[in-house]
């Protein structure tokens, strides 16, 4: 599974609508409205790296109101939640 984080600038008056439309794209698992230089951050999860072109370039970037994107592809995931779950297997509380 390939995971990418897409930072998105939108028209100010289209943030909620763009977020909703982006969240409905197959391959987008989550969309967050955020503070700072970007308006939205979307999490894309696809089977193959080539699928990112379809999800981001062909679909997400064409949502009305989207002005710019920057994509960061993850190498590895680190999660305390995942580690806690792994170490607690077989132990009852």
PDB file of N, CA and C in Angstrom:
ATOM      1  N   UNK A   1       0.849  -1.179   0.000  1.00  0.00           N
ATOM      2  CA  UNK A   1       0.000   0.000   0.000  1.00  0.00           C
ATOM      3  C   UNK A   1       0.892   1.237   0.000  1.00  0.00           C
ATOM      4  N   UNK A   2       0.621   2.148  -0.895  1.00  0.00           N
ATOM      5  CA  UNK A   2       1.335   3.419  -0.990  1.00  0.00           C
ATOM      6  C   UNK A   2       0.490   4.487  -0.304  1.00  0.00           C
ATOM      7  N   UNK A   3       1.097   5.248   0.594  1.00  0.00           N
ATOM      8  CA  UNK A   3       0.399   6.338   1.277  1.00  0.00           C
ATOM      9  C   UNK A   3       1.064   7.644   0.890  1.00  0.00           C
ATOM     10  N   UNK A   4       0.224   8.634   0.558  1.00  0.00           N
ATOM     11  CA  UNK A   4       0.727   9.968   0.224  1.00  0.00           C
ATOM     12  C   UNK A   4      -0.108  11.005   0.952  1.00  0.00           C
ATOM     13  N   UNK A   5       0.551  12.090   1.313  1.00  0.00           N
ATOM     14  CA  UNK A   5      -0.113  13.218   1.956  1.00  0.00           C
ATOM     15  C   UNK A   5      -0.132  14.361   0.949  1.00  0.00           C
ATOM     16  N   UNK A   6      -1.313  14.858   0.656  1.00  0.00           N
ATOM     17  CA  UNK A   6      -1.472  15.890  -0.353  1.00  0.00           C
ATOM     18  C   UNK A   6      -1.880  17.188   0.332  1.00  0.00           C
ATOM     19  N   UNK A   7      -1.014  18.190   0.258  1.00  0.00           N
ATOM     20  CA  UNK A   7      -1.307  19.509   0.808  1.00  0.00           C
ATOM     21  C   UNK A   7      -2.013  20.290  -0.286  1.00  0.00           C
ATOM     22  N   UNK A   8      -3.138  20.917   0.053  1.00  0.00           N
ATOM     23  CA  UNK A   8      -4.018  21.504  -0.960  1.00  0.00           C
ATOM     24  C   UNK A   8      -4.355  22.948  -0.614  1.00  0.00           C
ATOM     25  N   UNK A   9      -4.181  23.844  -1.594  1.00  0.00           N
ATOM     26  CA  UNK A   9      -4.665  25.223  -1.488  1.00  0.00           C
ATOM     27  C   UNK A   9      -5.943  25.305  -2.287  1.00  0.00           C
ATOM     28  N   UNK A  10      -6.956  25.932  -1.690  1.00  0.00           N
ATOM     29  CA  UNK A  10      -8.244  26.075  -2.368  1.00  0.00           C
ATOM     30  C   UNK A  10      -8.695  27.524  -2.322  1.00  0.00           C
ATOM     31  N   UNK A  11      -9.713  27.814  -3.110  1.00  0.00           N
ATOM     32  CA  UNK A  11     -10.388  29.100  -2.980  1.00  0.00           C
ATOM     33  C   UNK A  11     -11.020  29.122  -1.601  1.00  0.00           C
ATOM     34  N   UNK A  12     -10.893  30.243  -0.891  1.00  0.00           N
ATOM     35  CA  UNK A  12     -11.406  30.352   0.478  1.00  0.00           C
ATOM     36  C   UNK A  12     -12.890  30.004   0.552  1.00  0.00           C
ATOM     37  N   UNK A  13     -13.648  30.416  -0.441  1.00  0.00           N
ATOM     38  CA  UNK A  13     -15.092  30.179  -0.410  1.00  0.00           C
ATOM     39  C   UNK A  13     -15.480  28.762  -0.811  1.00  0.00           C
ATOM     40  N   UNK A  14     -14.495  27.906  -1.153  1.00  0.00           N
ATOM     41  CA  UNK A  14     -14.789  26.535  -1.590  1.00  0.00           C
ATOM     42  C   UNK A  14     -14.183  25.473  -0.680  1.00  0.00           C
ATOM     43  N   UNK A  15     -13.632  25.851   0.464  1.00  0.00           N
ATOM     44  CA  UNK A  15     -12.938  24.867   1.306  1.00  0.00           C
ATOM     45  C   UNK A  15     -13.848  23.696   1.698  1.00  0.00           C
ATOM     46  N   UNK A  16     -15.028  23.932   2.280  1.00  0.00           N
ATOM     47  CA  UNK A  16     -15.852  22.780   2.680  1.00  0.00           C
ATOM     48  C   UNK A  16     -16.317  21.932   1.494  1.00  0.00           C
ATOM     49  N   UNK A  17     -16.696  22.591   0.407  1.00  0.00           N
ATOM     50  CA  UNK A  17     -17.179  21.850  -0.764  1.00  0.00           C
ATOM     51  C   UNK A  17     -16.053  21.049  -1.413  1.00  0.00           C
ATOM     52  N   UNK A  18     -14.866  21.666  -1.517  1.00  0.00           N
ATOM     53  CA  UNK A  18     -13.723  20.954  -2.089  1.00  0.00           C
ATOM     54  C   UNK A  18     -13.341  19.762  -1.213  1.00  0.00           C
ATOM     55  N   UNK A  19     -13.333  19.957   0.098  1.00  0.00           N
ATOM     56  CA  UNK A  19     -13.004  18.869   1.022  1.00  0.00           C
ATOM     57  C   UNK A  19     -13.975  17.708   0.854  1.00  0.00           C
ATOM     58  N   UNK A  20     -15.255  18.010   0.746  1.00  0.00           N
ATOM     59  CA  UNK A  20     -16.258  16.955   0.579  1.00  0.00           C
ATOM     60  C   UNK A  20     -16.058  16.207  -0.735  1.00  0.00           C
ATOM     61  N   UNK A  21     -15.847  16.942  -1.818  1.00  0.00           N
ATOM     62  CA  UNK A  21     -15.638  16.301  -3.119  1.00  0.00           C
ATOM     63  C   UNK A  21     -14.368  15.457  -3.125  1.00  0.00           C
ATOM     64  N   UNK A  22     -13.307  15.956  -2.533  1.00  0.00           N
ATOM     65  CA  UNK A  22     -12.049  15.216  -2.480  1.00  0.00           C
ATOM     66  C   UNK A  22     -12.220  13.945  -1.655  1.00  0.00           C
ATOM     67  N   UNK A  23     -12.970  14.014  -0.559  1.00  0.00           N
ATOM     68  CA  UNK A  23     -13.166  12.840   0.300  1.00  0.00           C
ATOM     69  C   UNK A  23     -13.929  11.724  -0.410  1.00  0.00           C
ATOM     70  N   UNK A  24     -14.642  12.059  -1.467  1.00  0.00           N
ATOM     71  CA  UNK A  24     -15.424  11.069  -2.215  1.00  0.00           C
ATOM     72  C   UNK A  24     -14.630  10.395  -3.328  1.00  0.00           C
ATOM     73  N   UNK A  25     -13.396  10.812  -3.560  1.00  0.00           N
ATOM     74  CA  UNK A  25     -12.549  10.220  -4.599  1.00  0.00           C
ATOM     75  C   UNK A  25     -12.025   8.874  -4.108  1.00  0.00           C
ATOM     76  N   UNK A  26     -12.187   7.837  -4.923  1.00  0.00           N
ATOM     77  CA  UNK A  26     -11.612   6.533  -4.584  1.00  0.00           C
ATOM     78  C   UNK A  26     -10.096   6.687  -4.462  1.00  0.00           C
ATOM     79  N   UNK A  27      -9.543   6.188  -3.373  1.00  0.00           N
ATOM     80  CA  UNK A  27      -8.115   6.306  -3.120  1.00  0.00           C
ATOM     81  C   UNK A  27      -7.790   7.375  -2.091  1.00  0.00           C
ATOM     82  N   UNK A  28      -8.762   8.234  -1.771  1.00  0.00           N
ATOM     83  CA  UNK A  28      -8.587   9.222  -0.710  1.00  0.00           C
ATOM     84  C   UNK A  28      -9.253   8.666   0.537  1.00  0.00           C
ATOM     85  N   UNK A  29      -8.471   8.496   1.603  1.00  0.00           N
ATOM     86  CA  UNK A  29      -9.037   7.905   2.814  1.00  0.00           C
ATOM     87  C   UNK A  29      -9.499   8.947   3.818  1.00  0.00           C
ATOM     88  N   UNK A  30      -8.850  10.132   3.809  1.00  0.00           N
ATOM     89  CA  UNK A  30      -9.193  11.170   4.781  1.00  0.00           C
ATOM     90  C   UNK A  30      -8.871  12.529   4.188  1.00  0.00           C
ATOM     91  N   UNK A  31      -9.623  13.536   4.633  1.00  0.00           N
ATOM     92  CA  UNK A  31      -9.333  14.922   4.273  1.00  0.00           C
ATOM     93  C   UNK A  31      -9.480  15.758   5.538  1.00  0.00           C
ATOM     94  N   UNK A  32      -8.477  16.591   5.804  1.00  0.00           N
ATOM     95  CA  UNK A  32      -8.485  17.438   6.991  1.00  0.00           C
ATOM     96  C   UNK A  32      -8.446  18.903   6.575  1.00  0.00           C
ATOM     97  N   UNK A  33      -9.249  19.722   7.213  1.00  0.00           N
ATOM     98  CA  UNK A  33      -9.144  21.166   7.104  1.00  0.00           C
ATOM     99  C   UNK A  33      -8.125  21.587   8.156  1.00  0.00           C
ATOM    100  N   UNK A  34      -7.120  22.380   7.750  1.00  0.00           N
ATOM    101  CA  UNK A  34      -6.015  22.687   8.652  1.00  0.00           C
ATOM    102  C   UNK A  34      -5.689  24.179   8.669  1.00  0.00           C
ATOM    103  N   UNK A  35      -4.911  24.580   9.669  1.00  0.00           N
ATOM    104  CA  UNK A  35      -4.407  25.944   9.736  1.00  0.00           C
ATOM    105  C   UNK A  35      -3.056  25.998   9.038  1.00  0.00           C
ATOM    106  N   UNK A  36      -2.588  27.205   8.785  1.00  0.00           N
ATOM    107  CA  UNK A  36      -1.257  27.360   8.201  1.00  0.00           C
ATOM    108  C   UNK A  36      -1.326  27.751   6.739  1.00  0.00           C
ATOM    109  N   UNK A  37      -0.275  27.395   6.014  1.00  0.00           N
ATOM    110  CA  UNK A  37      -0.141  27.802   4.615  1.00  0.00           C
ATOM    111  C   UNK A  37      -1.058  27.039   3.664  1.00  0.00           C
ATOM    112  N   UNK A  38      -1.561  25.903   4.096  1.00  0.00           N
ATOM    113  CA  UNK A  38      -2.420  25.064   3.246  1.00  0.00           C
ATOM    114  C   UNK A  38      -3.815  25.043   3.839  1.00  0.00           C
ATOM    115  N   UNK A  39      -4.806  24.794   3.008  1.00  0.00           N
ATOM    116  CA  UNK A  39      -6.199  24.771   3.467  1.00  0.00           C
ATOM    117  C   UNK A  39      -6.662  23.376   3.856  1.00  0.00           C
ATOM    118  N   UNK A  40      -6.199  22.387   3.104  1.00  0.00           N
ATOM    119  CA  UNK A  40      -6.617  20.997   3.324  1.00  0.00           C
ATOM    120  C   UNK A  40      -5.400  20.085   3.231  1.00  0.00           C
ATOM    121  N   UNK A  41      -5.483  18.961   3.929  1.00  0.00           N
ATOM    122  CA  UNK A  41      -4.520  17.876   3.743  1.00  0.00           C
ATOM    123  C   UNK A  41      -5.329  16.608   3.509  1.00  0.00           C
ATOM    124  N   UNK A  42      -5.038  15.940   2.385  1.00  0.00           N
ATOM    125  CA  UNK A  42      -5.715  14.690   2.059  1.00  0.00           C
ATOM    126  C   UNK A  42      -4.722  13.542   2.206  1.00  0.00           C
ATOM    127  N   UNK A  43      -5.224  12.408   2.657  1.00  0.00           N
ATOM    128  CA  UNK A  43      -4.413  11.200   2.752  1.00  0.00           C
ATOM    129  C   UNK A  43      -4.866  10.268   1.631  1.00  0.00           C
ATOM    130  N   UNK A  44      -3.936   9.965   0.738  1.00  0.00           N
ATOM    131  CA  UNK A  44      -4.221   9.047  -0.365  1.00  0.00           C
ATOM    132  C   UNK A  44      -3.592   7.704  -0.054  1.00  0.00           C
ATOM    133  N   UNK A  45      -4.354   6.646  -0.254  1.00  0.00           N
ATOM    134  CA  UNK A  45      -3.824   5.288  -0.060  1.00  0.00           C
ATOM    135  C   UNK A  45      -4.203   4.480  -1.293  1.00  0.00           C
ATOM    136  N   UNK A  46      -3.173   4.018  -2.010  1.00  0.00           N
ATOM    137  CA  UNK A  46      -3.391   3.291  -3.262  1.00  0.00           C
ATOM    138  C   UNK A  46      -2.512   2.047  -3.290  1.00  0.00           C
ATOM    139  N   UNK A  47      -2.858   1.124  -4.169  1.00  0.00           N
ATOM    140  CA  UNK A  47      -2.114  -0.130  -4.262  1.00  0.00           C
ATOM    141  C   UNK A  47      -0.760   0.047  -4.943  1.00  0.00           C
ATOM    142  N   UNK A  48      -0.703   0.889  -5.956  1.00  0.00           N
ATOM    143  CA  UNK A  48       0.518   1.058  -6.736  1.00  0.00           C
ATOM    144  C   UNK A  48       0.843   2.540  -6.878  1.00  0.00           C
ATOM    145  N   UNK A  49       2.116   2.858  -6.926  1.00  0.00           N
ATOM    146  CA  UNK A  49       2.530   4.254  -7.037  1.00  0.00           C
ATOM    147  C   UNK A  49       1.922   4.922  -8.265  1.00  0.00           C
ATOM    148  N   UNK A  50       1.781   4.180  -9.352  1.00  0.00           N
ATOM    149  CA  UNK A  50       1.210   4.731 -10.577  1.00  0.00           C
ATOM    150  C   UNK A  50      -0.239   5.186 -10.374  1.00  0.00           C
ATOM    151  N   UNK A  51      -0.939   4.583  -9.405  1.00  0.00           N
ATOM    152  CA  UNK A  51      -2.334   4.953  -9.132  1.00  0.00           C
ATOM    153  C   UNK A  51      -2.439   6.370  -8.583  1.00  0.00           C
ATOM    154  N   UNK A  52      -1.346   6.887  -8.021  1.00  0.00           N
ATOM    155  CA  UNK A  52      -1.371   8.254  -7.507  1.00  0.00           C
ATOM    156  C   UNK A  52      -1.647   9.267  -8.613  1.00  0.00           C
ATOM    157  N   UNK A  53      -1.175   9.001  -9.813  1.00  0.00           N
ATOM    158  CA  UNK A  53      -1.425   9.908 -10.933  1.00  0.00           C
ATOM    159  C   UNK A  53      -2.916  10.035 -11.196  1.00  0.00           C
ATOM    160  N   UNK A  54      -3.631   8.931 -11.148  1.00  0.00           N
ATOM    161  CA  UNK A  54      -5.081   8.965 -11.370  1.00  0.00           C
ATOM    162  C   UNK A  54      -5.781   9.705 -10.241  1.00  0.00           C
ATOM    163  N   UNK A  55      -5.432   9.370  -9.007  1.00  0.00           N
ATOM    164  CA  UNK A  55      -6.115   9.950  -7.850  1.00  0.00           C
ATOM    165  C   UNK A  55      -5.806  11.438  -7.703  1.00  0.00           C
ATOM    166  N   UNK A  56      -4.539  11.808  -7.806  1.00  0.00           N
ATOM    167  CA  UNK A  56      -4.147  13.196  -7.511  1.00  0.00           C
ATOM    168  C   UNK A  56      -4.177  14.077  -8.759  1.00  0.00           C
ATOM    169  N   UNK A  57      -3.422  13.701  -9.779  1.00  0.00           N
ATOM    170  CA  UNK A  57      -3.315  14.563 -10.959  1.00  0.00           C
ATOM    171  C   UNK A  57      -4.595  14.582 -11.788  1.00  0.00           C
ATOM    172  N   UNK A  58      -5.214  13.422 -11.962  1.00  0.00           N
ATOM    173  CA  UNK A  58      -6.380  13.351 -12.844  1.00  0.00           C
ATOM    174  C   UNK A  58      -7.702  13.675 -12.161  1.00  0.00           C
ATOM    175  N   UNK A  59      -7.781  13.524 -10.853  1.00  0.00           N
ATOM    176  CA  UNK A  59      -9.076  13.727 -10.201  1.00  0.00           C
ATOM    177  C   UNK A  59      -9.043  14.827  -9.142  1.00  0.00           C
ATOM    178  N   UNK A  60      -8.179  14.694  -8.130  1.00  0.00           N
ATOM    179  CA  UNK A  60      -8.154  15.665  -7.044  1.00  0.00           C
ATOM    180  C   UNK A  60      -7.838  17.074  -7.544  1.00  0.00           C
ATOM    181  N   UNK A  61      -6.837  17.197  -8.390  1.00  0.00           N
ATOM    182  CA  UNK A  61      -6.429  18.526  -8.852  1.00  0.00           C
ATOM    183  C   UNK A  61      -7.474  19.210  -9.720  1.00  0.00           C
ATOM    184  N   UNK A  62      -8.466  18.447 -10.192  1.00  0.00           N
ATOM    185  CA  UNK A  62      -9.510  19.012 -11.045  1.00  0.00           C
ATOM    186  C   UNK A  62     -10.790  19.360 -10.286  1.00  0.00           C
ATOM    187  N   UNK A  63     -10.784  19.158  -8.967  1.00  0.00           N
ATOM    188  CA  UNK A  63     -11.939  19.539  -8.149  1.00  0.00           C
ATOM    189  C   UNK A  63     -12.052  21.056  -8.159  1.00  0.00           C
ATOM    190  N   UNK A  64     -13.267  21.545  -8.346  1.00  0.00           N
ATOM    191  CA  UNK A  64     -13.490  22.987  -8.391  1.00  0.00           C
ATOM    192  C   UNK A  64     -12.987  23.654  -7.113  1.00  0.00           C
ATOM    193  N   UNK A  65     -12.200  24.690  -7.274  1.00  0.00           N
ATOM    194  CA  UNK A  65     -11.667  25.421  -6.138  1.00  0.00           C
ATOM    195  C   UNK A  65     -10.240  25.061  -5.789  1.00  0.00           C
ATOM    196  N   UNK A  66      -9.759  23.894  -6.226  1.00  0.00           N
ATOM    197  CA  UNK A  66      -8.372  23.503  -5.944  1.00  0.00           C
ATOM    198  C   UNK A  66      -7.447  24.372  -6.784  1.00  0.00           C
ATOM    199  N   UNK A  67      -6.526  25.064  -6.126  1.00  0.00           N
ATOM    200  CA  UNK A  67      -5.610  25.974  -6.811  1.00  0.00           C
ATOM    201  C   UNK A  67      -4.198  25.421  -6.925  1.00  0.00           C
ATOM    202  N   UNK A  68      -3.754  24.649  -5.933  1.00  0.00           N
ATOM    203  CA  UNK A  68      -2.400  24.094  -5.949  1.00  0.00           C
ATOM    204  C   UNK A  68      -2.325  22.898  -5.013  1.00  0.00           C
ATOM    205  N   UNK A  69      -1.412  21.985  -5.341  1.00  0.00           N
ATOM    206  CA  UNK A  69      -1.180  20.829  -4.464  1.00  0.00           C
ATOM    207  C   UNK A  69       0.316  20.562  -4.371  1.00  0.00           C
ATOM    208  N   UNK A  70       0.703  19.964  -3.274  1.00  0.00           N
ATOM    209  CA  UNK A  70       2.046  19.417  -3.087  1.00  0.00           C
ATOM    210  C   UNK A  70       1.863  18.047  -2.470  1.00  0.00           C
ATOM    211  N   UNK A  71       2.525  17.058  -3.036  1.00  0.00           N
ATOM    212  CA  UNK A  71       2.346  15.682  -2.584  1.00  0.00           C
ATOM    213  C   UNK A  71       3.618  15.154  -1.938  1.00  0.00           C
ATOM    214  N   UNK A  72       3.437  14.508  -0.785  1.00  0.00           N
ATOM    215  CA  UNK A  72       4.537  13.861  -0.064  1.00  0.00           C
ATOM    216  C   UNK A  72       4.213  12.375   0.030  1.00  0.00           C
ATOM    217  N   UNK A  73       5.067  11.540  -0.558  1.00  0.00           N
ATOM    218  CA  UNK A  73       4.876  10.086  -0.519  1.00  0.00           C
ATOM    219  C   UNK A  73       5.626   9.541   0.692  1.00  0.00           C
ATOM    220  N   UNK A  74       4.954   8.718   1.480  1.00  0.00           N
ATOM    221  CA  UNK A  74       5.586   8.192   2.687  1.00  0.00           C
ATOM    222  C   UNK A  74       6.494   7.008   2.360  1.00  0.00           C
ATOM    223  N   UNK A  75       7.592   6.911   3.101  1.00  0.00           N
ATOM    224  CA  UNK A  75       8.492   5.768   3.000  1.00  0.00           C
ATOM    225  C   UNK A  75       8.091   4.674   3.985  1.00  0.00           C
ATOM    226  N   UNK A  76       7.785   5.105   5.217  1.00  0.00           N
ATOM    227  CA  UNK A  76       7.563   4.179   6.313  1.00  0.00           C
ATOM    228  C   UNK A  76       6.621   4.839   7.301  1.00  0.00           C
ATOM    229  N   UNK A  77       5.811   4.043   7.976  1.00  0.00           N
ATOM    230  CA  UNK A  77       4.880   4.579   8.974  1.00  0.00           C
ATOM    231  C   UNK A  77       5.336   4.169  10.372  1.00  0.00           C
ATOM    232  N   UNK A  78       5.263   5.117  11.284  1.00  0.00           N
ATOM    233  CA  UNK A  78       5.572   4.868  12.686  1.00  0.00           C
ATOM    234  C   UNK A  78       4.360   5.311  13.487  1.00  0.00           C
ATOM    235  N   UNK A  79       3.862   4.427  14.339  1.00  0.00           N
ATOM    236  CA  UNK A  79       2.670   4.772  15.100  1.00  0.00           C
ATOM    237  C   UNK A  79       2.731   4.143  16.476  1.00  0.00           C
ATOM    238  N   UNK A  80       2.602   4.946  17.487  1.00  0.00           N
ATOM    239  CA  UNK A  80       2.567   4.417  18.847  1.00  0.00           C
ATOM    240  C   UNK A  80       1.368   3.493  19.016  1.00  0.00           C
ATOM    241  N   UNK A  81       0.246   3.857  18.404  1.00  0.00           N
ATOM    242  CA  UNK A  81      -0.959   3.035  18.479  1.00  0.00           C
ATOM    243  C   UNK A  81      -0.683   1.633  17.940  1.00  0.00           C
ATOM    244  N   UNK A  82      -0.030   1.536  16.779  1.00  0.00           N
ATOM    245  CA  UNK A  82       0.281   0.237  16.191  1.00  0.00           C
ATOM    246  C   UNK A  82       1.243  -0.555  17.071  1.00  0.00           C
ATOM    247  N   UNK A  83       2.251   0.124  17.632  1.00  0.00           N
ATOM    248  CA  UNK A  83       3.202  -0.564  18.498  1.00  0.00           C
ATOM    249  C   UNK A  83       2.536  -1.061  19.771  1.00  0.00           C
ATOM    250  N   UNK A  84       1.683  -0.236  20.374  1.00  0.00           N
ATOM    251  CA  UNK A  84       0.966  -0.652  21.584  1.00  0.00           C
ATOM    252  C   UNK A  84       0.095  -1.867  21.302  1.00  0.00           C
ATOM    253  N   UNK A  85      -0.577  -1.869  20.163  1.00  0.00           N
ATOM    254  CA  UNK A  85      -1.442  -2.998  19.806  1.00  0.00           C
ATOM    255  C   UNK A  85      -0.618  -4.268  19.608  1.00  0.00           C
ATOM    256  N   UNK A  86       0.528  -4.149  18.962  1.00  0.00           N
ATOM    257  CA  UNK A  86       1.366  -5.314  18.703  1.00  0.00           C
ATOM    258  C   UNK A  86       1.899  -5.920  19.999  1.00  0.00           C
ATOM    259  N   UNK A  87       2.316  -5.074  20.941  1.00  0.00           N
ATOM    260  CA  UNK A  87       2.880  -5.568  22.185  1.00  0.00           C
ATOM    261  C   UNK A  87       1.823  -6.071  23.161  1.00  0.00           C
ATOM    262  N   UNK A  88       0.571  -5.731  22.943  1.00  0.00           N
ATOM    263  CA  UNK A  88      -0.471  -6.174  23.859  1.00  0.00           C
ATOM    264  C   UNK A  88      -1.174  -7.458  23.404  1.00  0.00           C
ATOM    265  N   UNK A  89      -0.768  -8.021  22.274  1.00  0.00           N
ATOM    266  CA  UNK A  89      -1.395  -9.245  21.786  1.00  0.00           C
ATOM    267  C   UNK A  89      -1.215 -10.357  22.804  1.00  0.00           C
ATOM    268  N   UNK A  90      -2.291 -11.006  23.147  1.00  0.00           N
ATOM    269  CA  UNK A  90      -2.226 -12.119  24.071  1.00  0.00           C
ATOM    270  C   UNK A  90      -2.250 -11.742  25.530  1.00  0.00           C
ATOM    271  N   UNK A  91      -2.259 -10.459  25.842  1.00  0.00           N
ATOM    272  CA  UNK A  91      -2.293 -10.018  27.231  1.00  0.00           C
ATOM    273  C   UNK A  91      -3.663  -9.460  27.552  1.00  0.00           C
ATOM    274  N   UNK A  92      -4.193  -9.892  28.676  1.00  0.00           N
ATOM    275  CA  UNK A  92      -5.480  -9.337  29.108  1.00  0.00           C
ATOM    276  C   UNK A  92      -5.236  -8.270  30.171  1.00  0.00           C
ATOM    277  N   UNK A  93      -6.081  -7.242  30.148  1.00  0.00           N
ATOM    278  CA  UNK A  93      -5.938  -6.150  31.116  1.00  0.00           C
ATOM    279  C   UNK A  93      -6.797  -6.400  32.322  1.00  0.00           C
TER     280      UNK A  93
END
